[in-house]
Amino acid sequence: MEWTLHMVSENDPDYKQQNRRIACVIVAYNNVSNIGKLLEVLLNQSEPIEEIILVDNASSDGTAQMVKQTFPQVTLFANSSNTGVGGGVTLREWNTRIKKGITGYGY
């Protein structure tokens, strides 16, 4: 499994930007043992994340069920087939949310 983490320094001019909103999108496939740990860290960090979205690519190990039961505050998209990382990130429902501006994030 590979994770990418973008760190922002306190010296970065955008660090103190008011009304900053942070979202995190995670694409998972058969990784129930690590996803719980990752979500706990994200939910307990000092810089609050407004929305965490987990895209489950048809895991057969109970990843989606665990997230749904243990982390109800996480937005879960459960794919019916494994679309890969690229397919998970460009999930149609997620793109629709961005286009409609529901999340309010500027990317």
C-alpha atoms as a PDB file:
ATOM      1  CA  MET A   1       0.000   0.000   0.000  1.00  0.00           C
ATOM      2  CA  GLU A   2       1.217   3.511  -0.815  1.00  0.00           C
ATOM      3  CA  TRP A   3       0.085   6.673   0.936  1.00  0.00           C
ATOM      4  CA  THR A   4       0.814  10.188  -0.179  1.00  0.00           C
ATOM      5  CA  LEU A   5       0.941  12.871   2.467  1.00  0.00           C
ATOM      6  CA  HIS A   6       1.038  16.568   1.662  1.00  0.00           C
ATOM      7  CA  MET A   7       2.606  18.544   4.481  1.00  0.00           C
ATOM      8  CA  VAL A   8       2.100  22.278   4.846  1.00  0.00           C
ATOM      9  CA  SER A   9       4.646  24.236   6.858  1.00  0.00           C
ATOM     10  CA  GLU A  10       3.627  26.984   9.258  1.00  0.00           C
ATOM     11  CA  ASN A  11       5.917  29.214   7.175  1.00  0.00           C
ATOM     12  CA  ASP A  12       3.828  28.604   4.066  1.00  0.00           C
ATOM     13  CA  PRO A  13       1.819  31.792   3.284  1.00  0.00           C
ATOM     14  CA  ASP A  14      -1.310  29.710   2.729  1.00  0.00           C
ATOM     15  CA  TYR A  15      -1.032  28.047   6.160  1.00  0.00           C
ATOM     16  CA  LYS A  16      -2.939  30.705   8.026  1.00  0.00           C
ATOM     17  CA  GLN A  17      -5.520  31.253   5.321  1.00  0.00           C
ATOM     18  CA  GLN A  18      -8.876  31.863   6.947  1.00  0.00           C
ATOM     19  CA  ASN A  19     -11.782  29.580   6.203  1.00  0.00           C
ATOM     20  CA  ARG A  20      -9.445  26.854   5.012  1.00  0.00           C
ATOM     21  CA  ARG A  21     -11.270  23.563   4.510  1.00  0.00           C
ATOM     22  CA  ILE A  22      -9.525  20.215   4.292  1.00  0.00           C
ATOM     23  CA  ALA A  23     -10.851  17.021   2.726  1.00  0.00           C
ATOM     24  CA  CYS A  24      -9.182  13.651   2.414  1.00  0.00           C
ATOM     25  CA  VAL A  25      -9.978  11.040  -0.243  1.00  0.00           C
ATOM     26  CA  ILE A  26      -8.771   7.470   0.343  1.00  0.00           C
ATOM     27  CA  VAL A  27      -9.053   4.674  -2.209  1.00  0.00           C
ATOM     28  CA  ALA A  28      -8.952   1.212  -0.633  1.00  0.00           C
ATOM     29  CA  TYR A  29      -8.987  -2.396  -1.750  1.00  0.00           C
ATOM     30  CA  ASN A  30      -8.830  -5.302   0.717  1.00  0.00           C
ATOM     31  CA  ASN A  31      -7.023  -3.326   3.386  1.00  0.00           C
ATOM     32  CA  VAL A  32      -9.252  -3.615   6.430  1.00  0.00           C
ATOM     33  CA  SER A  33      -6.308  -4.087   8.816  1.00  0.00           C
ATOM     34  CA  ASN A  34      -4.691  -0.738   7.911  1.00  0.00           C
ATOM     35  CA  ILE A  35      -7.654   1.473   7.023  1.00  0.00           C
ATOM     36  CA  GLY A  36      -8.938   1.578  10.600  1.00  0.00           C
ATOM     37  CA  LYS A  37      -5.545   2.763  11.864  1.00  0.00           C
ATOM     38  CA  LEU A  38      -5.307   5.376   9.120  1.00  0.00           C
ATOM     39  CA  LEU A  39      -8.789   6.742   9.827  1.00  0.00           C
ATOM     40  CA  GLU A  40      -8.084   6.965  13.563  1.00  0.00           C
ATOM     41  CA  VAL A  41      -4.953   9.021  12.884  1.00  0.00           C
ATOM     42  CA  LEU A  42      -6.763  11.322  10.457  1.00  0.00           C
ATOM     43  CA  LEU A  43      -9.692  11.870  12.820  1.00  0.00           C
ATOM     44  CA  ASN A  44      -7.435  12.655  15.781  1.00  0.00           C
ATOM     45  CA  GLN A  45      -4.916  14.993  14.208  1.00  0.00           C
ATOM     46  CA  SER A  46      -4.550  18.576  15.372  1.00  0.00           C
ATOM     47  CA  GLU A  47      -5.652  20.124  12.053  1.00  0.00           C
ATOM     48  CA  PRO A  48      -9.281  19.046  11.631  1.00  0.00           C
ATOM     49  CA  ILE A  49     -10.376  17.429   8.402  1.00  0.00           C
ATOM     50  CA  GLU A  50     -13.831  18.554   7.422  1.00  0.00           C
ATOM     51  CA  GLU A  51     -14.642  15.520   5.312  1.00  0.00           C
ATOM     52  CA  ILE A  52     -12.982  12.137   4.889  1.00  0.00           C
ATOM     53  CA  ILE A  53     -14.131  10.153   1.865  1.00  0.00           C
ATOM     54  CA  LEU A  54     -13.245   6.500   1.481  1.00  0.00           C
ATOM     55  CA  VAL A  55     -13.764   4.824  -1.880  1.00  0.00           C
ATOM     56  CA  ASP A  56     -13.818   1.059  -1.447  1.00  0.00           C
ATOM     57  CA  ASN A  57     -13.006  -0.812  -4.653  1.00  0.00           C
ATOM     58  CA  ALA A  58     -15.172  -3.899  -4.043  1.00  0.00           C
ATOM     59  CA  SER A  59     -13.055  -5.267  -1.197  1.00  0.00           C
ATOM     60  CA  SER A  60     -13.821  -8.826  -0.150  1.00  0.00           C
ATOM     61  CA  ASP A  61     -12.211  -8.511   3.307  1.00  0.00           C
ATOM     62  CA  GLY A  62     -14.911  -6.385   4.966  1.00  0.00           C
ATOM     63  CA  THR A  63     -13.249  -2.989   4.511  1.00  0.00           C
ATOM     64  CA  ALA A  64     -16.472  -1.179   3.560  1.00  0.00           C
ATOM     65  CA  GLN A  65     -18.477  -2.851   6.329  1.00  0.00           C
ATOM     66  CA  MET A  66     -15.871  -1.963   8.959  1.00  0.00           C
ATOM     67  CA  VAL A  67     -15.753   1.674   7.856  1.00  0.00           C
ATOM     68  CA  LYS A  68     -19.552   1.918   7.811  1.00  0.00           C
ATOM     69  CA  GLN A  69     -19.896   0.437  11.305  1.00  0.00           C
ATOM     70  CA  THR A  70     -16.846   1.897  13.048  1.00  0.00           C
ATOM     71  CA  PHE A  71     -16.472   5.286  11.354  1.00  0.00           C
ATOM     72  CA  PRO A  72     -19.962   6.644  10.564  1.00  0.00           C
ATOM     73  CA  GLN A  73     -18.488  10.148  10.143  1.00  0.00           C
ATOM     74  CA  VAL A  74     -16.555   8.957   7.071  1.00  0.00           C
ATOM     75  CA  THR A  75     -18.298   9.322   3.711  1.00  0.00           C
ATOM     76  CA  LEU A  76     -18.170   5.882   2.101  1.00  0.00           C
ATOM     77  CA  PHE A  77     -18.497   5.050  -1.573  1.00  0.00           C
ATOM     78  CA  ALA A  78     -18.561   1.284  -2.118  1.00  0.00           C
ATOM     79  CA  ASN A  79     -17.842   0.334  -5.727  1.00  0.00           C
ATOM     80  CA  SER A  80     -19.380  -2.861  -7.076  1.00  0.00           C
ATOM     81  CA  SER A  81     -16.138  -3.660  -8.922  1.00  0.00           C
ATOM     82  CA  ASN A  82     -12.456  -2.853  -8.511  1.00  0.00           C
ATOM     83  CA  THR A  83     -11.881   0.206 -10.679  1.00  0.00           C
ATOM     84  CA  GLY A  84      -8.285   0.695  -9.519  1.00  0.00           C
ATOM     85  CA  VAL A  85      -6.889   3.840  -7.938  1.00  0.00           C
ATOM     86  CA  GLY A  86      -7.626   5.995 -10.988  1.00  0.00           C
ATOM     87  CA  GLY A  87     -11.201   4.773 -11.162  1.00  0.00           C
ATOM     88  CA  GLY A  88     -11.666   5.260  -7.446  1.00  0.00           C
ATOM     89  CA  VAL A  89     -10.409   8.827  -7.482  1.00  0.00           C
ATOM     90  CA  THR A  90     -12.545   9.778 -10.483  1.00  0.00           C
ATOM     91  CA  LEU A  91     -15.644   8.092  -9.123  1.00  0.00           C
ATOM     92  CA  ARG A  92     -18.701   9.560 -10.839  1.00  0.00           C
ATOM     93  CA  GLU A  93     -20.559  10.432  -7.619  1.00  0.00           C
ATOM     94  CA  TRP A  94     -17.515  12.248  -6.230  1.00  0.00           C
ATOM     95  CA  ASN A  95     -17.070  14.260  -9.435  1.00  0.00           C
ATOM     96  CA  THR A  96     -20.754  15.160  -9.360  1.00  0.00           C
ATOM     97  CA  ARG A  97     -20.413  16.448  -5.794  1.00  0.00           C
ATOM     98  CA  ILE A  98     -17.510  18.676  -6.782  1.00  0.00           C
ATOM     99  CA  LYS A  99     -19.322  20.021  -9.838  1.00  0.00           C
ATOM    100  CA  LYS A 100     -22.388  20.848  -7.776  1.00  0.00           C
ATOM    101  CA  GLY A 101     -20.232  22.542  -5.174  1.00  0.00           C
ATOM    102  CA  ILE A 102     -21.702  20.533  -2.326  1.00  0.00           C
ATOM    103  CA  THR A 103     -18.352  20.096  -0.636  1.00  0.00           C
ATOM    104  CA  GLY A 104     -17.172  23.643  -1.247  1.00  0.00           C
ATOM    105  CA  TYR A 105     -13.556  22.629  -1.783  1.00  0.00           C
ATOM    106  CA  GLY A 106     -11.637  24.583  -4.389  1.00  0.00           C
ATOM    107  CA  TYR A 107     -10.077  21.761  -6.352  1.00  0.00           C
END
